[in-house]
Protein backbone atom coordinates (compact mmCIF):
# COMPACT_ATOMS: atom_id res chain seq x y z
CA MET A 1 53.91 130.61 -51.20
CA PRO A 2 54.59 132.53 -54.41
CA HIS A 3 57.97 132.58 -55.42
CA ALA A 4 59.40 136.25 -54.42
CA LEU A 5 61.65 137.64 -57.01
CA LEU A 6 65.22 138.13 -55.59
CA PRO A 7 66.75 141.42 -56.15
CA ILE A 8 69.63 140.97 -59.06
CA PRO A 9 72.88 142.40 -57.45
CA ASN A 10 74.15 145.54 -59.39
CA TYR A 11 77.28 144.17 -60.91
CA GLN A 12 79.31 146.74 -62.81
CA LEU A 13 79.22 145.31 -66.19
CA PRO A 14 79.89 148.52 -67.96
CA LYS A 15 83.50 148.55 -66.19
CA ILE A 16 84.32 144.95 -67.36
CA MET A 17 83.28 145.94 -71.05
CA ASN A 18 85.68 148.94 -70.91
CA HIS A 19 88.51 146.40 -70.79
CA LEU A 20 87.35 144.21 -73.56
CA SER A 21 87.49 147.04 -76.16
CA LEU A 22 87.55 146.40 -79.78
CA LYS A 23 91.13 147.25 -80.17
CA SER A 24 92.26 144.87 -77.35
CA LEU A 25 90.55 141.93 -78.76
CA ALA A 26 91.92 142.72 -82.20
CA PHE A 27 95.40 142.99 -80.65
CA TYR A 28 95.04 139.60 -78.73
CA GLY A 29 93.55 137.83 -81.62
CA ILE A 30 96.40 139.15 -84.11
CA ALA A 31 99.15 138.25 -81.60
CA ILE A 32 97.65 134.78 -80.92
CA GLY A 33 96.88 134.23 -84.81
CA SER A 34 100.69 135.31 -85.54
CA VAL A 35 102.28 132.79 -82.62
CA SER A 36 100.04 129.83 -84.20
CA LEU A 37 101.02 130.64 -87.93
CA LEU A 38 104.89 130.96 -86.81
CA PHE A 39 104.57 127.65 -85.05
CA LYS A 40 103.02 125.85 -88.01
CA VAL A 41 105.83 127.23 -90.47
CA VAL A 42 108.51 126.23 -87.97
CA THR A 43 107.19 122.78 -87.53
CA ALA A 44 106.72 122.19 -91.36
CA TYR A 45 110.46 123.35 -92.15
CA GLY A 46 111.70 121.09 -89.44
CA GLU A 47 109.74 118.21 -90.60
CA THR A 48 110.86 118.62 -94.18
CA ASN A 49 114.74 119.87 -93.81
CA LEU A 50 116.13 118.51 -90.48
CA LYS A 51 116.80 115.01 -90.35
CA ALA A 52 118.67 113.18 -87.53
CA ALA A 53 122.02 111.46 -88.77
CA PRO A 54 121.43 107.74 -89.10
CA PRO A 55 122.88 105.33 -86.70
CA ILE A 56 126.09 104.22 -88.04
CA ALA A 57 128.04 103.45 -85.06
CA GLY A 58 129.93 99.95 -85.31
CA SER A 59 132.91 98.11 -86.51
CA TYR A 60 133.41 97.80 -90.35
CA ARG A 61 135.71 95.19 -91.80
CA PHE A 62 137.68 96.44 -94.85
CA ASP A 63 137.86 94.19 -97.98
CA ALA A 64 141.53 93.61 -98.43
CA LYS A 65 141.37 94.07 -102.24
CA SER A 66 140.13 97.59 -101.95
CA LEU A 67 142.95 98.87 -99.67
CA PRO A 68 146.22 100.71 -100.60
CA GLU A 69 149.13 98.51 -101.30
CA CYS A 70 150.84 98.93 -97.96
CA LEU A 71 147.67 97.42 -96.25
CA LYS A 72 146.75 94.61 -98.70
CA SER A 73 148.02 91.83 -96.28
CA ASP A 74 146.41 93.16 -93.13
CA THR A 75 142.83 92.84 -91.97
CA LEU A 76 141.61 96.20 -91.23
CA VAL A 77 138.73 97.30 -88.87
CA LEU A 78 137.18 100.76 -88.61
CA THR A 79 135.45 101.24 -85.27
CA ILE A 80 132.80 104.07 -85.23
CA GLU A 81 131.55 105.69 -82.29
CA GLN A 82 128.59 108.27 -82.71
CA SER A 83 127.18 111.27 -80.84
CA GLY A 84 124.51 112.74 -83.19
CA VAL A 85 126.55 114.24 -86.16
CA TYR A 86 129.84 113.92 -84.43
CA LEU A 87 131.96 110.61 -84.99
CA SER A 88 135.15 109.35 -83.48
CA GLY A 89 136.81 106.07 -84.18
CA ASN A 90 139.94 103.79 -84.37
CA LEU A 91 141.23 102.03 -87.35
CA ARG A 92 143.41 99.11 -86.55
CA SER A 93 144.84 96.08 -88.30
CA GLY A 94 144.51 92.75 -86.58
CA ASN A 95 142.10 89.81 -86.41
CA SER A 96 141.95 88.60 -82.87
CA GLU A 97 138.99 89.48 -80.57
CA ALA A 98 141.59 90.97 -77.87
CA ASP A 99 142.83 93.58 -80.33
CA ARG A 100 139.23 94.74 -81.18
CA ALA A 101 138.70 94.91 -77.19
CA ASN A 102 141.97 96.87 -76.89
CA THR A 103 140.68 99.24 -79.62
CA ALA A 104 137.28 99.78 -77.84
CA GLU A 105 139.00 100.91 -74.81
CA GLU A 106 141.65 103.42 -76.31
CA LYS A 107 140.93 106.93 -76.96
CA PRO A 108 139.75 107.39 -80.42
CA SER A 109 142.56 108.50 -83.01
CA LEU A 110 140.02 109.60 -85.74
CA VAL A 111 137.55 112.29 -85.41
CA GLY A 112 134.92 113.58 -87.76
CA LYS A 113 131.41 114.46 -88.62
CA TRP A 114 128.31 113.19 -90.57
CA GLU A 115 127.60 115.78 -93.18
CA ASN A 116 125.44 115.68 -96.41
CA GLN A 117 124.58 112.01 -96.26
CA GLY A 118 128.04 111.02 -95.45
CA LEU A 119 130.92 110.63 -93.14
CA SER A 120 134.32 111.94 -92.83
CA LEU A 121 137.14 111.02 -90.51
CA SER A 122 140.73 112.14 -90.25
CA GLY A 123 143.56 111.52 -87.63
CA ALA A 124 146.94 110.00 -86.78
CA VAL A 125 146.70 106.32 -86.38
CA PRO A 126 149.25 104.29 -84.75
CA ASN A 127 150.68 100.83 -85.72
CA LEU A 128 149.38 100.79 -89.52
CA THR A 129 152.17 98.32 -90.31
CA GLY A 130 153.95 98.95 -93.65
CA CYS A 131 152.51 102.36 -94.26
CA SER A 132 154.45 104.84 -92.50
CA ASN A 133 157.39 106.70 -94.53
CA SER A 134 159.52 106.32 -91.40
CA ARG A 135 160.45 102.91 -89.81
CA ALA A 136 160.60 104.40 -86.18
CA ILE A 137 158.73 102.55 -83.70
CA GLY A 138 155.30 104.15 -82.67
CA GLN A 139 155.27 106.06 -85.97
CA ASN A 140 151.84 107.18 -86.99
CA SER A 141 150.25 107.40 -90.22
CA TYR A 142 147.77 110.30 -90.86
CA VAL A 143 144.67 108.94 -92.35
CA LYS A 144 141.74 110.82 -94.04
CA LEU A 145 138.46 108.68 -94.90
CA ARG A 146 135.45 109.83 -96.67
CA GLY A 147 132.40 107.60 -97.26
CA ILE A 148 128.75 106.91 -97.23
CA VAL A 149 126.86 104.17 -95.53
CA GLU A 150 124.45 102.04 -97.51
CA LYS A 151 122.58 99.44 -95.16
CA ASP A 152 125.42 97.52 -93.79
CA THR A 153 128.07 98.59 -96.33
CA LEU A 154 130.73 101.55 -96.08
CA LYS A 155 132.03 102.83 -99.17
CA GLY A 156 134.31 105.65 -99.84
CA LYS A 157 137.87 106.89 -100.37
CA ILE A 158 140.93 106.61 -98.09
CA SER A 159 144.30 108.21 -98.21
CA LEU A 160 146.96 107.49 -95.83
CA THR A 161 149.23 110.65 -95.96
CA ASP A 162 148.54 114.05 -97.03
CA ARG A 163 150.59 113.52 -100.28
CA ALA A 164 149.02 110.07 -101.10
CA ALA A 165 146.21 109.70 -103.64
CA ALA A 166 142.93 108.63 -102.21
CA THR A 167 141.96 104.97 -102.86
CA ASN A 168 138.15 103.73 -103.24
CA PHE A 169 137.23 101.08 -100.53
CA THR A 170 134.62 98.83 -99.37
CA ALA A 171 133.87 97.78 -95.82
CA GLN A 172 131.35 95.72 -94.17
CA ARG A 173 129.71 96.06 -90.67
CA GLU A 174 130.43 93.19 -88.30
CA MET A 175 127.38 92.17 -86.35
CA ALA A 176 127.91 92.59 -82.67
CA ALA A 177 128.34 89.58 -80.41
CA LYS A 178 125.16 88.95 -78.56
CA PRO A 179 126.04 88.40 -74.83
CA GLN A 180 124.90 84.74 -73.91
CA GLN A 181 122.12 84.49 -71.73
CA LYS A 182 122.38 82.32 -68.71
CA GLN A 183 120.13 78.96 -68.66
CA PRO A 184 118.00 78.48 -65.95
CA HIS A 185 118.81 75.40 -63.73
C-alpha cells in the first residue's frame, strides 16, 4: 500500500515569530552578554586583589633579649586566636603547661585585626610582673603590639603603656603538642 501523505497540522508559526522580533533578541543578547562580562570582571578583580588572611593562630614564645626591661626576666607567651581578619589573644608570663592551659580558657585580653599583611593587637593585660606603674594587686598593663608573621616567626614592636616607646621584639611559634594515639592491645 502506498504511503499516504499525512496532512500537516496547521501550527501558527507566524504568531510565535511575532514574539521573537529582532528587538527582543537584541535586548536579551545584550543583557546576557553584559551579565557575563560583569561576572568576568568581578571574578578577575577578586582573584587578584582579595586575599584571605593567612592562618597565624597559635602560641608565640618571645625572645627575652628583645623584650622591654621590665620583662627581661620573664618568659612571655602570646596566644593568638583568629577568625578571618579578626584576632584576639592573651599575653602571659609563665613557663608551665598549667599556665598555658589557663590562658587558653580565659577570655582574651587583647583584640585586634590582620591588616596590610600585618597584625595589630591591643588591650589591658593582667599580671605582667614588673611592668605596671602601680604596685596594686591586679594592676593591668596596657599593651600595644604590631607585627608581621614570616613563616613561624613573629617580628614587630610592643609598647607596654601609652607613654612608653615601642620596643622591637621577635617571637617563635610553638609547635602544638600532638595528642598521643592509643596503642592497640
